[in-house]
Amino acid sequence: MIEELGRRGEGRREAGAFLLAPRKGERRRVSRIVYLDDLDPHCLVGSIHLNGDAYSALWSLCDRDQLRVIADIHTHPGKGVRQSAIDMDNPMVARRGHLALIAPDLATRPISPRELGVHEYLAEDGWSSRFGRKARRLVYVGRHP
């Protein structure tokens, strides 16, 4: 996924995706990735500007395939994985518990979970952010037994 985000951002602009999981079950195991520019081919303009029709397509896909959005990820230039003011004011999914991941360096190299910013949306309570070891504990990459 990181490699694909880097490819889509062409090393010069942000790119992103929604991470989907089956509706049934408690675990947050990603079963499908939907890239933002597949939903809206014109959304990658340096930053990301996703139109409303893209959300309609996303919700239709989720209904059809019995999936739910459990997180989103987008890239930032440089090493910073803290949310920008725009990120904080405009959650991709404004639902308590939604996770917004940020990958550094426009995903132009392999990124470990420890390098991500993991931001949990808390609705009227704002955001809770985790970095480094705390981020790594929340994001597992690999196969589950």
N, C-alpha and C. Protein backbone atom coordinates (compact mmCIF):
# COMPACT_ATOMS: atom_id res chain seq x y z
N MET A 1 0.82 -1.18 0.00
CA MET A 1 0.00 0.00 0.00
C MET A 1 0.87 1.26 0.00
N ILE A 2 1.92 1.27 0.83
CA ILE A 2 2.79 2.45 0.90
C ILE A 2 3.43 2.69 -0.47
N GLU A 3 3.91 1.64 -1.09
CA GLU A 3 4.53 1.78 -2.42
C GLU A 3 3.53 2.36 -3.43
N GLU A 4 2.29 1.88 -3.35
CA GLU A 4 1.26 2.37 -4.28
C GLU A 4 0.91 3.83 -4.01
N LEU A 5 0.85 4.23 -2.74
CA LEU A 5 0.61 5.64 -2.42
C LEU A 5 1.72 6.52 -3.00
N GLY A 6 2.97 6.05 -2.85
CA GLY A 6 4.09 6.80 -3.42
C GLY A 6 4.00 6.92 -4.93
N ARG A 7 3.60 5.83 -5.57
CA ARG A 7 3.46 5.84 -7.03
C ARG A 7 2.37 6.82 -7.46
N ARG A 8 1.24 6.78 -6.77
CA ARG A 8 0.13 7.66 -7.14
C ARG A 8 0.45 9.13 -6.88
N GLY A 9 1.22 9.42 -5.85
CA GLY A 9 1.61 10.80 -5.56
C GLY A 9 2.76 11.29 -6.39
N GLU A 10 3.39 10.38 -7.12
CA GLU A 10 4.48 10.71 -8.05
C GLU A 10 5.63 11.46 -7.37
N GLY A 11 5.78 11.27 -6.06
CA GLY A 11 6.88 11.91 -5.34
C GLY A 11 6.77 13.42 -5.21
N ARG A 12 5.60 13.97 -5.57
CA ARG A 12 5.47 15.43 -5.55
C ARG A 12 4.15 15.93 -4.96
N ARG A 13 3.24 15.02 -4.63
CA ARG A 13 1.96 15.45 -4.07
C ARG A 13 1.44 14.37 -3.12
N GLU A 14 0.53 14.77 -2.25
CA GLU A 14 -0.08 13.84 -1.31
C GLU A 14 -0.97 12.85 -2.06
N ALA A 15 -1.09 11.66 -1.49
CA ALA A 15 -2.00 10.64 -1.99
C ALA A 15 -2.62 9.96 -0.77
N GLY A 16 -3.71 9.23 -0.99
CA GLY A 16 -4.36 8.61 0.16
C GLY A 16 -5.25 7.45 -0.23
N ALA A 17 -5.79 6.81 0.82
CA ALA A 17 -6.66 5.65 0.62
C ALA A 17 -7.55 5.47 1.85
N PHE A 18 -8.64 4.75 1.63
CA PHE A 18 -9.48 4.28 2.73
C PHE A 18 -9.14 2.82 2.98
N LEU A 19 -9.11 2.43 4.24
CA LEU A 19 -8.85 1.05 4.63
C LEU A 19 -10.18 0.45 5.08
N LEU A 20 -10.56 -0.65 4.45
CA LEU A 20 -11.87 -1.25 4.69
C LEU A 20 -11.72 -2.62 5.33
N ALA A 21 -12.75 -2.99 6.11
CA ALA A 21 -12.80 -4.29 6.77
C ALA A 21 -14.22 -4.82 6.67
N PRO A 22 -14.41 -6.13 6.87
CA PRO A 22 -15.77 -6.67 6.87
C PRO A 22 -16.62 -6.03 7.97
N ARG A 23 -17.90 -5.87 7.71
CA ARG A 23 -18.80 -5.26 8.70
C ARG A 23 -18.96 -6.14 9.93
N LYS A 24 -18.93 -7.44 9.75
CA LYS A 24 -19.11 -8.34 10.88
C LYS A 24 -17.77 -8.57 11.56
N GLY A 25 -17.82 -8.65 12.87
CA GLY A 25 -16.61 -8.91 13.64
C GLY A 25 -16.08 -7.66 14.30
N GLU A 26 -15.34 -7.84 15.34
CA GLU A 26 -14.82 -6.73 16.12
C GLU A 26 -13.43 -6.28 15.69
N ARG A 27 -12.69 -7.13 15.05
CA ARG A 27 -11.30 -6.83 14.72
C ARG A 27 -11.20 -5.79 13.62
N ARG A 28 -10.14 -5.04 13.67
CA ARG A 28 -9.88 -4.02 12.65
C ARG A 28 -8.84 -4.56 11.66
N ARG A 29 -9.17 -5.63 11.01
CA ARG A 29 -8.27 -6.23 10.03
C ARG A 29 -8.64 -5.75 8.63
N VAL A 30 -7.73 -5.07 7.99
CA VAL A 30 -7.99 -4.51 6.66
C VAL A 30 -8.11 -5.64 5.64
N SER A 31 -9.21 -5.60 4.90
CA SER A 31 -9.41 -6.60 3.85
C SER A 31 -9.40 -5.98 2.45
N ARG A 32 -9.48 -4.65 2.40
CA ARG A 32 -9.50 -3.98 1.10
C ARG A 32 -9.01 -2.55 1.24
N ILE A 33 -8.34 -2.09 0.22
CA ILE A 33 -7.84 -0.71 0.16
C ILE A 33 -8.49 -0.04 -1.04
N VAL A 34 -9.04 1.15 -0.82
CA VAL A 34 -9.63 1.92 -1.91
C VAL A 34 -8.89 3.25 -1.98
N TYR A 35 -8.18 3.47 -3.07
CA TYR A 35 -7.37 4.68 -3.23
C TYR A 35 -8.27 5.86 -3.59
N LEU A 36 -7.97 7.00 -2.99
CA LEU A 36 -8.81 8.18 -3.15
C LEU A 36 -8.95 8.59 -4.61
N ASP A 37 -7.87 8.49 -5.37
CA ASP A 37 -7.96 8.92 -6.77
C ASP A 37 -8.69 7.90 -7.65
N ASP A 38 -8.99 6.71 -7.13
CA ASP A 38 -9.89 5.81 -7.85
C ASP A 38 -11.33 6.26 -7.66
N LEU A 39 -11.63 6.88 -6.52
CA LEU A 39 -12.96 7.41 -6.25
C LEU A 39 -13.19 8.76 -6.92
N ASP A 40 -12.12 9.55 -6.97
CA ASP A 40 -12.18 10.90 -7.57
C ASP A 40 -10.86 11.14 -8.30
N PRO A 41 -10.81 10.91 -9.61
CA PRO A 41 -9.56 11.02 -10.37
C PRO A 41 -8.90 12.39 -10.31
N HIS A 42 -9.62 13.40 -9.86
CA HIS A 42 -9.07 14.76 -9.84
C HIS A 42 -8.76 15.25 -8.42
N CYS A 43 -8.71 14.34 -7.45
CA CYS A 43 -8.57 14.77 -6.05
C CYS A 43 -7.13 15.07 -5.63
N LEU A 44 -6.14 14.58 -6.36
CA LEU A 44 -4.74 14.78 -5.96
C LEU A 44 -4.21 16.04 -6.63
N VAL A 45 -4.28 17.14 -5.90
CA VAL A 45 -3.92 18.44 -6.46
C VAL A 45 -2.76 19.08 -5.68
N GLY A 46 -1.89 18.25 -5.16
CA GLY A 46 -0.85 18.69 -4.24
C GLY A 46 -1.26 18.22 -2.86
N SER A 47 -2.35 18.80 -2.37
CA SER A 47 -3.03 18.25 -1.21
C SER A 47 -4.15 17.36 -1.76
N ILE A 48 -5.12 17.00 -0.93
CA ILE A 48 -6.20 16.13 -1.37
C ILE A 48 -7.52 16.86 -1.22
N HIS A 49 -8.30 16.90 -2.30
CA HIS A 49 -9.64 17.52 -2.29
C HIS A 49 -10.61 16.51 -2.88
N LEU A 50 -11.25 15.74 -2.00
CA LEU A 50 -12.17 14.68 -2.42
C LEU A 50 -13.58 15.25 -2.54
N ASN A 51 -14.22 15.02 -3.68
CA ASN A 51 -15.58 15.55 -3.88
C ASN A 51 -16.64 14.63 -3.27
N GLY A 52 -17.83 15.16 -3.12
CA GLY A 52 -18.93 14.42 -2.50
C GLY A 52 -19.32 13.16 -3.25
N ASP A 53 -19.22 13.16 -4.58
CA ASP A 53 -19.54 11.97 -5.35
C ASP A 53 -18.63 10.80 -5.00
N ALA A 54 -17.40 11.11 -4.61
CA ALA A 54 -16.46 10.05 -4.21
C ALA A 54 -16.97 9.32 -2.97
N TYR A 55 -17.54 10.07 -2.04
CA TYR A 55 -18.09 9.43 -0.84
C TYR A 55 -19.30 8.57 -1.19
N SER A 56 -20.13 9.02 -2.11
CA SER A 56 -21.27 8.21 -2.55
C SER A 56 -20.78 6.89 -3.13
N ALA A 57 -19.74 6.95 -3.95
CA ALA A 57 -19.18 5.72 -4.53
C ALA A 57 -18.60 4.82 -3.44
N LEU A 58 -17.94 5.41 -2.46
CA LEU A 58 -17.37 4.63 -1.35
C LEU A 58 -18.47 3.94 -0.56
N TRP A 59 -19.52 4.68 -0.19
CA TRP A 59 -20.59 4.07 0.61
C TRP A 59 -21.32 3.00 -0.20
N SER A 60 -21.48 3.19 -1.49
CA SER A 60 -22.11 2.16 -2.34
C SER A 60 -21.27 0.89 -2.37
N LEU A 61 -19.97 1.05 -2.52
CA LEU A 61 -19.06 -0.10 -2.52
C LEU A 61 -19.15 -0.83 -1.19
N CYS A 62 -19.15 -0.07 -0.08
CA CYS A 62 -19.24 -0.68 1.24
C CYS A 62 -20.55 -1.43 1.42
N ASP A 63 -21.65 -0.86 0.98
CA ASP A 63 -22.95 -1.54 1.08
C ASP A 63 -22.97 -2.81 0.24
N ARG A 64 -22.50 -2.71 -0.98
CA ARG A 64 -22.51 -3.85 -1.90
C ARG A 64 -21.69 -5.01 -1.36
N ASP A 65 -20.49 -4.71 -0.82
CA ASP A 65 -19.56 -5.77 -0.41
C ASP A 65 -19.55 -6.01 1.10
N GLN A 66 -20.51 -5.40 1.82
CA GLN A 66 -20.62 -5.58 3.27
C GLN A 66 -19.32 -5.25 3.99
N LEU A 67 -18.79 -4.07 3.66
CA LEU A 67 -17.55 -3.58 4.26
C LEU A 67 -17.82 -2.32 5.06
N ARG A 68 -16.85 -1.93 5.86
CA ARG A 68 -16.91 -0.67 6.61
C ARG A 68 -15.55 0.01 6.52
N VAL A 69 -15.56 1.30 6.59
CA VAL A 69 -14.32 2.08 6.60
C VAL A 69 -13.81 2.07 8.04
N ILE A 70 -12.57 1.60 8.23
CA ILE A 70 -12.01 1.59 9.58
C ILE A 70 -10.90 2.61 9.76
N ALA A 71 -10.37 3.11 8.65
CA ALA A 71 -9.29 4.10 8.74
C ALA A 71 -9.08 4.71 7.37
N ASP A 72 -8.34 5.80 7.37
CA ASP A 72 -7.83 6.34 6.12
C ASP A 72 -6.35 6.59 6.32
N ILE A 73 -5.65 6.72 5.23
CA ILE A 73 -4.23 7.04 5.27
C ILE A 73 -3.97 8.07 4.18
N HIS A 74 -3.09 9.01 4.48
CA HIS A 74 -2.61 9.91 3.43
C HIS A 74 -1.16 10.25 3.73
N THR A 75 -0.50 10.77 2.74
CA THR A 75 0.93 11.06 2.85
C THR A 75 1.15 12.55 3.10
N HIS A 76 2.27 12.83 3.72
CA HIS A 76 2.73 14.21 3.89
C HIS A 76 4.15 14.31 3.34
N PRO A 77 4.53 15.49 2.86
CA PRO A 77 5.93 15.69 2.46
C PRO A 77 6.81 15.77 3.71
N GLY A 78 8.05 15.38 3.61
CA GLY A 78 8.97 15.47 4.74
C GLY A 78 8.67 14.43 5.81
N LYS A 79 9.30 14.62 6.95
CA LYS A 79 9.21 13.64 8.05
C LYS A 79 7.97 13.82 8.93
N GLY A 80 7.31 14.97 8.84
CA GLY A 80 6.21 15.27 9.75
C GLY A 80 4.98 14.43 9.52
N VAL A 81 4.49 13.81 10.58
CA VAL A 81 3.28 12.99 10.49
C VAL A 81 2.21 13.49 11.47
N ARG A 82 2.38 14.71 11.94
CA ARG A 82 1.34 15.34 12.75
C ARG A 82 0.27 15.86 11.78
N GLN A 83 -0.93 16.02 12.28
CA GLN A 83 -2.01 16.53 11.44
C GLN A 83 -1.84 18.02 11.22
N SER A 84 -2.16 18.43 10.02
CA SER A 84 -2.25 19.86 9.73
C SER A 84 -3.57 20.38 10.29
N ALA A 85 -3.73 21.69 10.34
CA ALA A 85 -5.00 22.27 10.77
C ALA A 85 -6.12 21.82 9.84
N ILE A 86 -5.83 21.70 8.55
CA ILE A 86 -6.84 21.23 7.59
C ILE A 86 -7.24 19.80 7.91
N ASP A 87 -6.25 18.93 8.22
CA ASP A 87 -6.55 17.55 8.59
C ASP A 87 -7.47 17.49 9.81
N MET A 88 -7.13 18.27 10.84
CA MET A 88 -7.90 18.25 12.08
C MET A 88 -9.33 18.76 11.88
N ASP A 89 -9.47 19.77 11.06
CA ASP A 89 -10.79 20.37 10.85
C ASP A 89 -11.67 19.61 9.87
N ASN A 90 -11.07 18.68 9.11
CA ASN A 90 -11.80 17.98 8.06
C ASN A 90 -11.52 16.47 8.09
N PRO A 91 -12.01 15.77 9.11
CA PRO A 91 -11.78 14.32 9.13
C PRO A 91 -12.41 13.67 7.89
N MET A 92 -11.72 12.68 7.34
CA MET A 92 -12.24 11.98 6.16
C MET A 92 -13.54 11.25 6.51
N VAL A 93 -13.62 10.72 7.72
CA VAL A 93 -14.85 10.10 8.23
C VAL A 93 -15.04 10.66 9.64
N ALA A 94 -16.06 11.46 9.82
CA ALA A 94 -16.29 12.14 11.10
C ALA A 94 -17.10 11.25 12.03
N ARG A 95 -16.50 10.13 12.40
CA ARG A 95 -17.14 9.17 13.32
C ARG A 95 -16.16 8.87 14.44
N ARG A 96 -16.62 8.99 15.68
CA ARG A 96 -15.77 8.71 16.84
C ARG A 96 -15.10 7.35 16.67
N GLY A 97 -13.79 7.31 16.91
CA GLY A 97 -13.03 6.07 16.80
C GLY A 97 -12.36 5.86 15.45
N HIS A 98 -12.74 6.66 14.44
CA HIS A 98 -12.10 6.53 13.13
C HIS A 98 -10.62 6.87 13.26
N LEU A 99 -9.77 6.10 12.58
CA LEU A 99 -8.34 6.35 12.59
C LEU A 99 -7.90 7.00 11.29
N ALA A 100 -7.08 8.03 11.43
CA ALA A 100 -6.48 8.71 10.29
C ALA A 100 -4.97 8.51 10.41
N LEU A 101 -4.37 7.81 9.46
CA LEU A 101 -2.94 7.55 9.47
C LEU A 101 -2.25 8.52 8.52
N ILE A 102 -1.06 8.95 8.90
CA ILE A 102 -0.27 9.82 8.03
C ILE A 102 1.10 9.19 7.85
N ALA A 103 1.51 9.06 6.59
CA ALA A 103 2.82 8.50 6.24
C ALA A 103 3.74 9.63 5.77
N PRO A 104 5.02 9.58 6.17
CA PRO A 104 5.95 10.65 5.80
C PRO A 104 6.52 10.49 4.40
N ASP A 105 7.25 11.52 3.98
CA ASP A 105 8.05 11.50 2.75
C ASP A 105 7.26 11.15 1.49
N LEU A 106 5.98 11.50 1.49
CA LEU A 106 5.10 11.20 0.36
C LEU A 106 5.14 9.73 -0.05
N ALA A 107 5.49 8.87 0.93
CA ALA A 107 5.55 7.42 0.73
C ALA A 107 6.47 7.05 -0.44
N THR A 108 7.58 7.76 -0.55
CA THR A 108 8.52 7.49 -1.65
C THR A 108 9.58 6.45 -1.26
N ARG A 109 9.43 5.86 -0.09
CA ARG A 109 10.34 4.83 0.39
C ARG A 109 9.55 3.91 1.30
N PRO A 110 10.09 2.74 1.67
CA PRO A 110 9.38 1.89 2.63
C PRO A 110 9.19 2.62 3.97
N ILE A 111 8.02 2.51 4.54
CA ILE A 111 7.67 3.17 5.79
C ILE A 111 7.28 2.10 6.80
N SER A 112 7.86 2.14 7.98
CA SER A 112 7.48 1.20 9.04
C SER A 112 6.32 1.78 9.85
N PRO A 113 5.54 0.92 10.52
CA PRO A 113 4.44 1.43 11.36
C PRO A 113 4.90 2.45 12.39
N ARG A 114 6.10 2.33 12.88
CA ARG A 114 6.64 3.25 13.88
C ARG A 114 6.77 4.68 13.33
N GLU A 115 6.88 4.82 12.02
CA GLU A 115 7.06 6.14 11.41
C GLU A 115 5.73 6.85 11.13
N LEU A 116 4.61 6.14 11.26
CA LEU A 116 3.31 6.72 10.97
C LEU A 116 2.84 7.62 12.11
N GLY A 117 2.00 8.57 11.76
CA GLY A 117 1.20 9.26 12.75
C GLY A 117 -0.15 8.56 12.77
N VAL A 118 -0.62 8.18 13.95
CA VAL A 118 -1.91 7.50 14.08
C VAL A 118 -2.81 8.43 14.90
N HIS A 119 -3.86 8.91 14.27
CA HIS A 119 -4.72 9.93 14.87
C HIS A 119 -6.14 9.38 14.97
N GLU A 120 -6.66 9.34 16.19
CA GLU A 120 -8.01 8.83 16.43
C GLU A 120 -8.97 9.99 16.61
N TYR A 121 -10.04 9.96 15.85
CA TYR A 121 -11.05 11.02 15.92
C TYR A 121 -11.96 10.79 17.12
N LEU A 122 -12.08 11.80 17.97
CA LEU A 122 -12.86 11.71 19.19
C LEU A 122 -14.08 12.64 19.17
N ALA A 123 -14.53 12.99 17.99
CA ALA A 123 -15.70 13.87 17.79
C ALA A 123 -15.48 15.19 18.51
N GLU A 124 -16.41 15.58 19.36
CA GLU A 124 -16.31 16.90 20.02
C GLU A 124 -15.09 17.01 20.93
N ASP A 125 -14.45 15.90 21.25
CA ASP A 125 -13.24 15.93 22.07
C ASP A 125 -11.96 16.06 21.25
N GLY A 126 -12.09 16.24 19.94
CA GLY A 126 -10.92 16.46 19.09
C GLY A 126 -10.26 15.17 18.64
N TRP A 127 -8.95 15.11 18.78
CA TRP A 127 -8.14 14.00 18.28
C TRP A 127 -7.20 13.49 19.37
N SER A 128 -6.87 12.22 19.30
CA SER A 128 -5.82 11.63 20.11
C SER A 128 -4.77 11.11 19.14
N SER A 129 -3.53 11.56 19.28
CA SER A 129 -2.48 11.20 18.33
C SER A 129 -1.41 10.35 18.99
N ARG A 130 -0.88 9.40 18.21
CA ARG A 130 0.19 8.53 18.70
C ARG A 130 1.29 8.46 17.65
N PHE A 131 2.51 8.40 18.18
CA PHE A 131 3.71 8.41 17.33
C PHE A 131 4.70 7.37 17.85
N GLY A 132 5.66 7.00 16.99
CA GLY A 132 6.73 6.11 17.41
C GLY A 132 6.24 4.77 17.90
N ARG A 133 6.71 4.34 19.08
CA ARG A 133 6.33 3.03 19.62
C ARG A 133 4.83 2.91 19.84
N LYS A 134 4.20 3.99 20.27
CA LYS A 134 2.74 3.95 20.50
C LYS A 134 1.99 3.75 19.18
N ALA A 135 2.46 4.35 18.11
CA ALA A 135 1.84 4.14 16.80
C ALA A 135 2.06 2.69 16.34
N ARG A 136 3.26 2.18 16.56
CA ARG A 136 3.58 0.82 16.13
C ARG A 136 2.68 -0.20 16.82
N ARG A 137 2.31 0.05 18.07
CA ARG A 137 1.44 -0.88 18.79
C ARG A 137 0.04 -0.92 18.21
N LEU A 138 -0.36 0.13 17.52
CA LEU A 138 -1.72 0.19 16.95
C LEU A 138 -1.79 -0.32 15.52
N VAL A 139 -0.67 -0.39 14.82
CA VAL A 139 -0.66 -0.78 13.41
C VAL A 139 0.22 -2.02 13.24
N TYR A 140 -0.40 -3.11 12.90
CA TYR A 140 0.32 -4.35 12.64
C TYR A 140 0.34 -4.59 11.13
N VAL A 141 1.50 -4.86 10.60
CA VAL A 141 1.63 -5.15 9.17
C VAL A 141 2.14 -6.57 9.04
N GLY A 142 1.40 -7.39 8.33
CA GLY A 142 1.82 -8.78 8.15
C GLY A 142 0.62 -9.71 8.20
N ARG A 143 0.91 -10.96 8.28
CA ARG A 143 -0.15 -11.97 8.30
C ARG A 143 -0.52 -12.30 9.74
N HIS A 144 -1.82 -12.45 9.96
CA HIS A 144 -2.31 -12.94 11.25
C HIS A 144 -2.44 -14.45 11.17
N PRO A 145 -2.14 -15.13 12.26
CA PRO A 145 -2.26 -16.61 12.23
C PRO A 145 -3.68 -17.08 11.99
